[in-house]
Amino acid sequence: MKMIMHNPFPTQVIEIILPEMKLENKKLEKLILEERKVDAGIKKSNLGGSWHSKTDIQLRKEQCFKKLVQSFKSCALAITQTLNTKFDTTKYNFCAAGWINVNTEGSFNAPHTHPNSTWSAVYYVKVPEFDDSNEGRIEFMDIGNSKDALNAKEALGVLARKRFKMNAKEGTMIMFPSHMLHWVLPHNSGNSRISIALNGEFVKKTKGQSA
């Protein structure tokens, strides 16, 4: 007997620890909380009182924001080159944009995707202590119906998994393909959960741009 295993629909979620951002978190937190006091924010997937800033992280002059955007770009390039060695990243610009999320007690982000992007990420600036291990987590969901066969979960194990939760950790970035459906669970901590979301896409360089 000869078996050949194929992986037709691979999906990667990457957890990245950014030690270079550790000293920047206090600066980020201070700037974010000051901004929230004077800016009502906008409504997207944020519900229950959570705050969503304008999508302008990539335009900010503060070094702590610039450093985070550059880390996201570097990680996206490295991951793309690892997963697809045939893709020539030198022929593309990786354009990034981002915003801030402040999730207060009881607030959450409804299930959503990040359209018109290749890679998305969430970076955790401040994560309070939670009483329940599920509070404030990010959860990815597989909405396909092909795994609903009888006993699929027991027989196929992780191949039949429809949900995948990850803990929020300060100084950590979670990267994922932008088309992945996900949401943020509510929490009951009296303190805010602060994160920065980022989107990026590869845009082909025009003539005259260096490859």
Protein backbone atom coordinates (compact mmCIF):
# COMPACT_ATOMS: atom_id res chain seq x y z
CA MET A 1 0.00 0.00 0.00
CA LYS A 2 1.22 3.48 -0.87
CA MET A 3 -0.33 6.61 0.63
CA ILE A 4 0.23 10.18 -0.55
CA MET A 5 -1.11 12.84 1.83
CA HIS A 6 -2.19 16.20 0.37
CA ASN A 7 -3.01 19.40 2.22
CA PRO A 8 -5.37 21.25 -0.16
CA PHE A 9 -6.52 24.03 2.16
CA PRO A 10 -3.66 24.88 4.53
CA THR A 11 -4.16 27.74 6.97
CA GLN A 12 -1.49 29.22 9.16
CA VAL A 13 -1.95 31.31 12.32
CA ILE A 14 1.40 32.57 13.57
CA GLU A 15 2.18 33.76 17.10
CA ILE A 16 5.15 36.13 17.20
CA ILE A 17 6.85 37.44 20.35
CA LEU A 18 8.27 40.92 19.78
CA PRO A 19 10.83 41.64 22.54
CA GLU A 20 11.81 44.87 20.77
CA MET A 21 8.29 46.21 21.50
CA LYS A 22 8.37 45.53 25.24
CA LEU A 23 9.69 48.99 26.13
CA GLU A 24 7.24 50.61 23.71
CA ASN A 25 4.07 49.23 25.32
CA LYS A 26 3.88 51.83 28.10
CA LYS A 27 4.29 54.62 25.53
CA LEU A 28 1.63 53.07 23.32
CA GLU A 29 -0.78 52.64 26.22
CA LYS A 30 -0.36 56.26 27.32
CA LEU A 31 -0.89 57.64 23.81
CA ILE A 32 -3.89 55.39 23.18
CA LEU A 33 -5.71 56.23 26.42
CA GLU A 34 -5.12 59.94 25.89
CA GLU A 35 -6.54 59.70 22.37
CA ARG A 36 -9.59 57.78 23.54
CA LYS A 37 -10.50 60.60 25.92
CA VAL A 38 -10.87 63.11 23.07
CA ASP A 39 -11.93 60.90 20.14
CA ALA A 40 -15.25 59.08 19.99
CA GLY A 41 -13.82 56.53 17.57
CA ILE A 42 -15.72 54.71 14.82
CA LYS A 43 -18.03 51.71 14.60
CA LYS A 44 -16.90 48.54 12.85
CA SER A 45 -17.00 45.12 14.50
CA ASN A 46 -16.64 46.69 17.96
CA LEU A 47 -19.69 46.22 20.19
CA GLY A 48 -20.68 46.62 23.82
CA GLY A 49 -18.74 49.82 24.35
CA SER A 50 -15.40 48.84 22.81
CA TRP A 51 -13.48 51.67 21.13
CA HIS A 52 -12.09 51.57 17.57
CA SER A 53 -9.79 54.33 16.36
CA LYS A 54 -9.44 55.66 12.84
CA THR A 55 -7.37 53.50 10.48
CA ASP A 56 -4.28 55.69 10.60
CA ILE A 57 -1.60 53.82 12.57
CA GLN A 58 0.59 53.75 9.46
CA LEU A 59 0.57 57.57 9.31
CA ARG A 60 1.54 58.28 12.90
CA LYS A 61 4.87 59.95 13.65
CA GLU A 62 5.54 58.47 17.10
CA GLN A 63 8.42 55.98 17.05
CA CYS A 64 6.48 53.33 18.98
CA PHE A 65 3.84 53.15 16.22
CA LYS A 66 6.42 53.24 13.44
CA LYS A 67 8.33 50.39 15.10
CA LEU A 68 5.20 48.23 15.31
CA VAL A 69 4.23 48.80 11.67
CA GLN A 70 7.76 47.93 10.57
CA SER A 71 7.72 44.75 12.67
CA PHE A 72 4.45 43.74 11.02
CA LYS A 73 5.89 44.34 7.55
CA SER A 74 9.06 42.39 8.31
CA CYS A 75 7.11 39.45 9.72
CA ALA A 76 4.71 39.41 6.75
CA LEU A 77 7.59 39.30 4.28
CA ALA A 78 9.41 36.56 6.19
CA ILE A 79 6.30 34.40 6.58
CA THR A 80 5.30 34.83 2.93
CA GLN A 81 8.77 33.86 1.71
CA THR A 82 8.73 30.80 3.98
CA LEU A 83 5.28 29.60 2.89
CA ASN A 84 5.64 30.40 -0.80
CA THR A 85 9.22 30.31 -2.05
CA LYS A 86 8.05 30.99 -5.63
CA PHE A 87 6.62 34.39 -4.75
CA ASP A 88 9.15 37.14 -5.49
CA THR A 89 8.53 39.72 -2.77
CA THR A 90 11.07 42.10 -4.32
CA LYS A 91 8.57 42.86 -7.07
CA TYR A 92 5.97 44.10 -4.61
CA ASN A 93 5.45 46.76 -1.99
CA PHE A 94 3.81 45.51 1.19
CA CYS A 95 1.37 48.26 2.15
CA ALA A 96 0.15 48.28 5.75
CA ALA A 97 -2.60 50.08 7.66
CA GLY A 98 -3.89 49.70 11.19
CA TRP A 99 -6.11 50.88 14.03
CA ILE A 100 -6.50 50.61 17.80
CA ASN A 101 -9.04 48.56 19.74
CA VAL A 102 -9.81 49.22 23.40
CA ASN A 103 -12.10 46.56 24.84
CA THR A 104 -13.61 47.52 28.18
CA GLU A 105 -15.56 45.22 30.51
CA GLY A 106 -18.31 43.35 28.66
CA SER A 107 -17.32 44.63 25.21
CA PHE A 108 -16.26 42.49 22.27
CA ASN A 109 -15.67 42.38 18.51
CA ALA A 110 -18.28 40.57 16.42
CA PRO A 111 -17.23 37.89 13.90
CA HIS A 112 -15.60 39.47 10.85
CA THR A 113 -12.87 39.17 8.23
CA HIS A 114 -10.44 41.77 6.88
CA PRO A 115 -11.25 42.13 3.14
CA ASN A 116 -8.89 43.53 0.51
CA SER A 117 -5.81 42.42 2.45
CA THR A 118 -3.36 39.52 2.37
CA TRP A 119 -2.13 39.31 5.96
CA SER A 120 -3.74 40.63 9.12
CA ALA A 121 -2.41 40.82 12.65
CA VAL A 122 -3.29 41.85 16.16
CA TYR A 123 -0.66 43.16 18.56
CA TYR A 124 -1.38 43.18 22.29
CA VAL A 125 -0.41 46.34 24.15
CA LYS A 126 -2.23 45.72 27.44
CA VAL A 127 -3.95 42.56 28.65
CA PRO A 128 -5.63 42.56 32.08
CA GLU A 129 -5.92 39.53 34.35
CA PHE A 130 -9.01 37.49 33.55
CA ASP A 131 -10.96 35.23 35.92
CA ASP A 132 -12.02 32.90 33.11
CA SER A 133 -9.50 31.42 30.65
CA ASN A 134 -11.85 32.18 27.73
CA GLU A 135 -12.23 35.88 28.47
CA GLY A 136 -10.75 38.32 25.98
CA ARG A 137 -9.44 35.60 23.69
CA ILE A 138 -9.38 35.76 19.91
CA GLU A 139 -11.24 32.91 18.24
CA PHE A 140 -10.88 31.80 14.62
CA MET A 141 -13.77 29.97 12.99
CA ASP A 142 -14.13 27.57 10.07
CA ILE A 143 -17.61 28.06 8.62
CA GLY A 144 -17.36 25.24 6.07
CA ASN A 145 -19.97 22.47 6.23
CA SER A 146 -17.80 19.65 4.88
CA LYS A 147 -16.82 18.42 8.34
CA ASP A 148 -20.31 17.75 9.68
CA ALA A 149 -20.32 14.00 8.99
CA LEU A 150 -21.35 11.71 11.83
CA ASN A 151 -18.53 11.19 14.35
CA ALA A 152 -16.23 13.47 12.31
CA LYS A 153 -14.91 15.21 15.40
CA GLU A 154 -14.02 11.95 17.15
CA ALA A 155 -12.51 10.31 14.08
CA LEU A 156 -10.71 13.24 12.47
CA GLY A 157 -9.54 15.14 15.53
CA VAL A 158 -8.03 18.51 14.59
CA LEU A 159 -9.06 18.00 10.95
CA ALA A 160 -12.68 18.44 12.06
CA ARG A 161 -12.02 21.45 14.28
CA LYS A 162 -14.29 24.42 13.60
CA ARG A 163 -12.98 26.84 16.25
CA PHE A 164 -9.52 27.75 17.45
CA LYS A 165 -8.95 30.10 20.38
CA MET A 166 -5.75 31.90 21.35
CA ASN A 167 -4.85 33.88 24.44
CA ALA A 168 -4.04 37.56 24.28
CA LYS A 169 -0.47 38.14 25.55
CA GLU A 170 1.24 41.47 26.01
CA GLY A 171 4.10 41.99 23.57
CA THR A 172 2.83 39.30 21.22
CA MET A 173 1.53 39.61 17.66
CA ILE A 174 -0.83 37.07 16.12
CA MET A 175 -0.75 36.98 12.30
CA PHE A 176 -3.26 35.25 10.06
CA PRO A 177 -4.58 35.28 6.47
CA SER A 178 -7.01 38.19 6.21
CA HIS A 179 -9.89 36.05 4.93
CA MET A 180 -10.09 34.06 8.18
CA LEU A 181 -13.30 34.64 10.13
CA HIS A 182 -12.59 35.62 13.74
CA TRP A 183 -13.94 37.50 16.72
CA VAL A 184 -12.89 38.71 20.17
CA LEU A 185 -14.64 37.29 23.23
CA PRO A 186 -15.92 39.66 25.94
CA HIS A 187 -14.23 39.92 29.32
CA ASN A 188 -15.31 40.88 32.83
CA SER A 189 -12.12 42.55 33.99
CA GLY A 190 -12.44 46.08 35.31
CA ASN A 191 -9.45 47.05 33.17
CA SER A 192 -9.16 47.57 29.41
CA ARG A 193 -7.74 45.12 26.90
CA ILE A 194 -5.74 47.21 24.41
CA SER A 195 -4.68 45.91 21.02
CA ILE A 196 -3.60 47.22 17.64
CA ALA A 197 -4.95 45.57 14.48
CA LEU A 198 -3.02 45.65 11.22
CA ASN A 199 -3.78 44.80 7.60
CA GLY A 200 -1.31 44.44 4.76
CA GLU A 201 -1.42 43.67 1.05
CA PHE A 202 1.14 43.11 -1.67
CA VAL A 203 0.96 45.78 -4.39
CA LYS A 204 3.02 45.25 -7.53
CA LYS A 205 5.72 47.84 -8.03
CA THR A 206 5.30 50.21 -10.94
CA LYS A 207 7.95 50.93 -13.52
CA GLY A 208 10.75 52.97 -12.07
CA GLN A 209 10.45 51.50 -8.58
CA SER A 210 13.47 49.46 -7.55
CA ALA A 211 12.89 45.72 -7.37
